[in-house]
N, C-alpha and C. Protein backbone atom coordinates (compact mmCIF):
# COMPACT_ATOMS: atom_id res chain seq x y z
N MET A 1 229.98 182.96 196.77
CA MET A 1 230.25 184.27 196.02
C MET A 1 231.70 183.41 195.68
N LYS A 2 231.92 183.96 194.26
CA LYS A 2 233.51 183.13 193.83
C LYS A 2 233.82 184.38 193.34
N PHE A 3 235.15 184.62 193.18
CA PHE A 3 236.15 185.81 192.96
C PHE A 3 236.89 185.38 191.94
N TYR A 4 237.14 185.95 190.81
CA TYR A 4 237.79 185.68 189.46
C TYR A 4 238.88 186.91 189.55
N PHE A 5 239.93 186.30 188.90
CA PHE A 5 241.23 187.62 188.83
C PHE A 5 241.16 188.03 187.18
N THR A 6 241.16 189.04 187.21
CA THR A 6 240.94 189.39 185.62
C THR A 6 242.23 190.22 185.23
N SER A 7 242.61 189.92 184.22
CA SER A 7 243.94 190.22 183.69
C SER A 7 244.08 191.18 182.54
N SER A 8 244.95 191.94 182.45
CA SER A 8 245.08 193.27 181.23
C SER A 8 246.16 192.40 180.39
N SER A 9 246.13 192.78 179.15
CA SER A 9 246.91 192.11 178.12
C SER A 9 248.67 192.45 178.55
N LYS A 10 248.70 193.44 179.11
CA LYS A 10 250.40 193.69 179.39
C LYS A 10 251.06 192.35 179.95
N ILE A 11 250.28 191.53 180.81
CA ILE A 11 250.99 190.55 181.43
C ILE A 11 250.69 189.26 180.32
N TRP A 12 250.54 189.51 179.43
CA TRP A 12 250.52 188.15 178.78
C TRP A 12 251.61 187.70 177.89
N GLU A 13 252.44 188.47 178.04
CA GLU A 13 253.88 187.98 177.11
C GLU A 13 254.37 186.33 177.86
N ASP A 14 254.48 186.15 179.14
CA ASP A 14 254.50 184.77 179.39
C ASP A 14 253.12 184.51 180.32
N PRO A 15 252.57 183.25 179.91
CA PRO A 15 251.24 182.82 180.37
C PRO A 15 251.65 182.08 181.89
N ALA A 16 253.02 181.89 182.26
CA ALA A 16 253.27 181.49 183.52
C ALA A 16 252.57 181.88 184.46
N TRP A 17 252.46 183.01 184.59
CA TRP A 17 251.92 183.86 185.72
C TRP A 17 250.47 183.26 186.27
N VAL A 18 249.70 182.76 185.12
CA VAL A 18 248.53 182.14 185.66
C VAL A 18 248.29 181.22 186.48
N ALA A 19 249.26 180.37 186.74
CA ALA A 19 249.23 179.15 188.02
C ALA A 19 249.40 180.13 189.36
N GLY A 20 249.71 181.48 189.55
CA GLY A 20 249.62 181.81 190.73
C GLY A 20 248.24 182.35 191.09
N ILE A 21 247.42 182.48 190.09
CA ILE A 21 246.10 182.73 190.44
C ILE A 21 245.43 182.05 191.55
N ALA A 22 245.11 180.98 191.67
CA ALA A 22 244.79 180.14 192.45
C ALA A 22 245.47 180.23 193.87
N ASP A 23 246.73 180.38 193.88
CA ASP A 23 247.72 180.39 194.99
C ASP A 23 247.53 181.92 195.58
N ALA A 24 246.90 182.68 194.89
CA ALA A 24 246.52 183.96 195.49
C ALA A 24 245.06 184.07 196.15
N GLY A 25 244.50 183.00 195.92
CA GLY A 25 243.17 182.77 196.45
C GLY A 25 242.11 183.04 195.82
N TYR A 26 242.05 183.29 194.34
CA TYR A 26 241.07 183.21 193.65
C TYR A 26 240.86 181.96 193.12
N ASP A 27 239.32 182.19 192.58
CA ASP A 27 238.77 180.82 192.42
C ASP A 27 238.75 180.64 191.05
N GLY A 28 238.96 181.98 190.02
CA GLY A 28 239.03 181.49 188.76
C GLY A 28 239.85 182.77 187.83
N TRP A 29 239.82 182.74 186.45
CA TRP A 29 240.56 183.61 186.01
C TRP A 29 239.31 184.12 184.94
N GLU A 30 239.35 185.30 184.70
CA GLU A 30 238.60 186.03 183.97
C GLU A 30 239.38 186.77 182.80
N ILE A 31 239.19 186.35 181.80
CA ILE A 31 240.21 186.77 180.73
C ILE A 31 239.43 187.75 179.80
N SER A 32 239.98 189.00 179.70
CA SER A 32 239.44 190.08 178.77
C SER A 32 239.72 189.76 177.43
N ALA A 33 239.00 189.32 176.65
CA ALA A 33 239.23 189.18 175.30
C ALA A 33 239.47 190.44 174.48
N ASP A 34 240.34 191.17 174.97
CA ASP A 34 240.74 192.41 174.07
C ASP A 34 242.35 192.34 173.78
N GLY A 35 242.90 193.40 172.99
CA GLY A 35 244.34 193.18 172.95
C GLY A 35 244.87 191.89 172.64
N ASN A 36 245.96 191.67 173.23
CA ASN A 36 246.84 190.51 173.28
C ASN A 36 245.99 189.38 173.56
N TYR A 37 244.74 189.18 174.28
CA TYR A 37 243.66 188.35 174.64
C TYR A 37 242.58 187.80 173.55
N ARG A 38 242.76 188.39 172.57
CA ARG A 38 241.26 188.23 171.51
C ARG A 38 241.61 186.79 171.33
N LEU A 39 240.38 186.20 171.23
CA LEU A 39 240.24 184.80 171.19
C LEU A 39 240.14 184.14 169.73
N ASP A 40 239.99 185.13 168.74
CA ASP A 40 240.00 184.66 167.60
C ASP A 40 241.24 184.52 166.91
N THR A 41 242.32 184.86 167.62
CA THR A 41 243.74 184.81 167.31
C THR A 41 244.25 183.11 167.50
N PRO A 42 244.44 182.40 166.71
CA PRO A 42 244.78 180.87 166.95
C PRO A 42 245.85 180.86 168.00
N ASP A 43 246.94 181.65 168.19
CA ASP A 43 248.10 181.31 169.00
C ASP A 43 247.49 181.75 170.39
N THR A 44 246.77 182.98 170.39
CA THR A 44 246.31 183.42 172.04
C THR A 44 245.10 182.39 172.30
N PHE A 45 244.49 181.91 171.35
CA PHE A 45 243.33 180.80 171.84
C PHE A 45 244.15 179.69 172.44
N ALA A 46 245.26 179.00 171.48
CA ALA A 46 245.66 177.81 172.04
C ALA A 46 246.54 178.03 173.48
N ALA A 47 247.18 179.08 173.77
CA ALA A 47 247.75 179.50 174.85
C ALA A 47 246.80 179.78 176.07
N VAL A 48 245.65 180.06 175.89
CA VAL A 48 244.47 180.27 176.97
C VAL A 48 244.28 178.82 177.32
N LYS A 49 243.97 177.97 176.28
CA LYS A 49 243.64 176.58 176.51
C LYS A 49 244.67 175.78 176.98
N LYS A 50 245.69 176.03 176.66
CA LYS A 50 246.95 175.40 177.43
C LYS A 50 247.11 175.86 178.82
N ALA A 51 246.85 177.18 179.03
CA ALA A 51 247.14 177.58 180.44
C ALA A 51 245.85 176.95 181.56
N MET A 52 244.73 177.06 181.03
CA MET A 52 243.65 176.19 181.50
C MET A 52 243.89 174.82 181.92
N ALA A 53 244.53 174.11 181.05
CA ALA A 53 244.70 172.78 181.33
C ALA A 53 245.80 172.53 182.21
N ASP A 54 246.67 173.28 182.06
CA ASP A 54 247.66 173.25 182.99
C ASP A 54 247.38 173.68 184.45
N THR A 55 246.59 174.63 184.78
CA THR A 55 246.23 174.95 185.99
C THR A 55 245.13 174.41 186.51
N GLY A 56 244.11 174.14 185.64
CA GLY A 56 242.80 173.46 186.29
C GLY A 56 241.73 174.74 186.34
N LEU A 57 242.58 175.88 186.14
CA LEU A 57 241.59 177.07 186.71
C LEU A 57 240.25 177.17 185.79
N PRO A 58 238.69 177.49 186.51
CA PRO A 58 237.99 177.88 185.40
C PRO A 58 237.84 179.54 185.30
N VAL A 59 237.44 179.62 184.02
CA VAL A 59 237.63 180.82 183.28
C VAL A 59 235.86 181.25 182.84
N THR A 60 236.15 182.69 182.95
CA THR A 60 234.86 183.40 182.58
C THR A 60 235.74 184.44 181.59
N ILE A 61 234.86 184.84 180.32
CA ILE A 61 235.23 185.86 179.37
C ILE A 61 234.66 187.11 179.62
N HIS A 62 235.33 188.46 179.66
CA HIS A 62 234.97 189.42 179.54
C HIS A 62 235.18 189.77 177.91
N ALA A 63 233.94 190.16 177.29
CA ALA A 63 233.89 190.48 176.11
C ALA A 63 234.59 191.74 175.85
N PRO A 64 235.27 191.99 174.60
CA PRO A 64 236.04 193.24 174.09
C PRO A 64 234.99 194.43 174.28
N PHE A 65 236.28 195.61 174.62
CA PHE A 65 235.16 196.80 174.85
C PHE A 65 236.13 197.80 174.33
N SER A 66 237.25 197.82 173.95
CA SER A 66 237.97 198.66 173.42
C SER A 66 237.54 199.32 172.27
N ASP A 67 237.20 200.54 172.15
CA ASP A 67 236.81 201.09 170.95
C ASP A 67 235.35 200.69 170.15
N LEU A 68 234.71 199.82 171.12
CA LEU A 68 233.39 199.32 170.66
C LEU A 68 232.33 199.77 171.74
N ASN A 69 231.21 199.73 171.06
CA ASN A 69 230.11 200.36 171.87
C ASN A 69 228.59 199.61 171.61
N PRO A 70 228.00 198.65 172.19
CA PRO A 70 226.82 198.32 172.01
C PRO A 70 225.59 199.04 171.81
N ALA A 71 225.74 200.19 172.52
CA ALA A 71 224.68 201.12 172.46
C ALA A 71 225.01 202.28 171.36
N SER A 72 226.05 202.16 170.67
CA SER A 72 225.67 202.83 169.50
C SER A 72 224.74 203.36 168.64
N VAL A 73 224.76 204.56 168.15
CA VAL A 73 223.62 204.98 167.23
C VAL A 73 224.36 205.21 165.64
N ASN A 74 225.70 205.08 165.90
CA ASN A 74 226.33 205.17 164.83
C ASN A 74 226.33 203.69 164.54
N ALA A 75 225.76 203.44 163.02
CA ALA A 75 225.56 202.16 162.42
C ALA A 75 226.66 201.19 162.31
N PRO A 76 227.80 201.75 161.85
CA PRO A 76 229.07 200.93 161.43
C PRO A 76 229.47 200.49 162.68
N ILE A 77 229.57 201.58 163.97
CA ILE A 77 230.05 201.36 165.14
C ILE A 77 229.35 199.88 165.84
N TRP A 78 228.19 200.20 165.71
CA TRP A 78 227.41 199.21 166.38
C TRP A 78 227.41 197.89 165.53
N GLU A 79 227.38 197.59 164.52
CA GLU A 79 227.58 196.83 163.50
C GLU A 79 228.83 195.83 163.86
N GLU A 80 229.86 196.69 163.82
CA GLU A 80 231.65 196.07 164.10
C GLU A 80 231.35 195.54 165.55
N THR A 81 230.92 196.18 166.65
CA THR A 81 230.40 195.61 168.01
C THR A 81 229.88 194.49 167.85
N VAL A 82 228.84 194.32 167.40
CA VAL A 82 227.97 193.03 167.23
C VAL A 82 228.94 191.93 166.42
N HIS A 83 229.46 192.11 165.80
CA HIS A 83 230.43 191.49 165.08
C HIS A 83 231.57 190.62 165.70
N GLN A 84 231.96 191.67 166.60
CA GLN A 84 233.17 191.36 167.65
C GLN A 84 232.63 190.45 168.89
N LEU A 85 231.39 191.07 169.16
CA LEU A 85 230.88 190.21 170.36
C LEU A 85 230.58 188.87 169.68
N GLU A 86 230.06 188.49 168.49
CA GLU A 86 229.84 187.03 168.02
C GLU A 86 231.03 186.68 168.23
N LEU A 87 232.14 187.10 167.71
CA LEU A 87 233.10 186.15 167.39
C LEU A 87 233.70 185.55 168.70
N THR A 88 233.50 186.66 169.69
CA THR A 88 234.29 186.31 171.22
C THR A 88 233.09 185.09 171.69
N ILE A 89 231.92 185.10 171.70
CA ILE A 89 231.03 184.49 172.23
C ILE A 89 231.05 182.84 171.21
N GLU A 90 231.60 183.14 170.35
CA GLU A 90 231.51 181.78 169.72
C GLU A 90 232.76 180.75 170.10
N LYS A 91 233.75 181.58 170.35
CA LYS A 91 235.41 180.94 170.74
C LYS A 91 235.12 180.70 172.29
N ALA A 92 234.45 181.56 172.80
CA ALA A 92 234.49 181.45 174.40
C ALA A 92 233.48 180.28 174.47
N ALA A 93 232.91 179.80 173.78
CA ALA A 93 231.86 178.66 174.12
C ALA A 93 232.57 177.12 174.04
N GLU A 94 233.93 177.53 173.69
CA GLU A 94 234.46 176.13 173.87
C GLU A 94 235.23 176.20 175.26
N LEU A 95 235.25 177.18 175.92
CA LEU A 95 235.97 177.48 177.18
C LEU A 95 235.37 177.41 178.39
N THR A 96 233.84 178.42 178.06
CA THR A 96 232.96 178.45 179.38
C THR A 96 231.71 178.70 179.24
N ASP A 97 230.72 178.80 179.91
CA ASP A 97 229.68 179.19 179.44
C ASP A 97 229.40 180.66 179.97
N THR A 98 230.37 181.42 180.47
CA THR A 98 230.18 182.71 181.17
C THR A 98 230.88 183.84 180.18
N VAL A 99 229.97 184.74 179.41
CA VAL A 99 230.87 185.81 178.88
C VAL A 99 230.13 187.02 179.19
N VAL A 100 230.86 188.30 179.76
CA VAL A 100 230.69 189.41 180.41
C VAL A 100 230.29 190.28 179.33
N VAL A 101 229.43 191.07 179.00
CA VAL A 101 229.01 192.02 178.22
C VAL A 101 228.41 193.18 178.68
N HIS A 102 228.78 194.23 178.58
CA HIS A 102 228.12 195.48 179.28
C HIS A 102 227.30 196.11 178.21
N PRO A 103 226.42 196.96 178.75
CA PRO A 103 225.36 197.43 177.34
C PRO A 103 225.67 198.71 176.93
N GLY A 104 226.85 199.21 177.05
CA GLY A 104 227.55 200.58 176.24
C GLY A 104 226.93 201.56 176.76
N TYR A 105 227.16 202.73 176.31
CA TYR A 105 227.06 203.91 176.75
C TYR A 105 226.45 204.93 175.70
N LEU A 106 225.24 205.66 176.02
CA LEU A 106 224.80 206.79 175.10
C LEU A 106 225.63 207.99 175.13
N SER A 107 226.05 208.39 174.06
CA SER A 107 227.06 209.71 173.51
C SER A 107 225.97 210.74 173.81
N PRO A 108 226.60 212.08 174.23
CA PRO A 108 225.76 213.22 174.33
C PRO A 108 224.66 213.48 172.96
N VAL A 109 225.14 212.99 172.17
CA VAL A 109 224.48 213.31 170.85
C VAL A 109 223.16 212.24 170.85
N SER A 110 223.31 211.14 171.20
CA SER A 110 222.19 210.08 171.17
C SER A 110 221.46 210.18 172.34
N ARG A 111 221.34 210.92 173.33
CA ARG A 111 220.90 211.06 174.49
C ARG A 111 219.46 212.12 174.14
C-alpha cells in the first residue's frame, strides 16, 4: 500500500514545500485539482510539472469537487460537473494515470 499526501490550495503560494513530502515518509503527492490547483490554469499546470520534476514525486489527481456534483439531477449542474471532470482528466493524463472521482450525492429532492 502506498500513502500520498494530499494538499489544500492554501499552501500553494510557494510550492517549495512539496519537497518535504518524501522527507515526511509519503510515497507521493495527491493534487486536489480545485481552487488554486486547477490544472487548466497554465501557470498552475507549469508549477505542478516543475514541482514534479524537481522532486521526482509521483502524483495522483483528485478531481475538483467544490460546487460540483456528478449525481446532480439538475441538468446544468450535472453538465458543468462533467465538463470540469473532462478538463481535469485531459490535463491529468499528462501527469499521471490516476484520477480520483467520487460519485456525488443525492439531494433530498432527488431521493
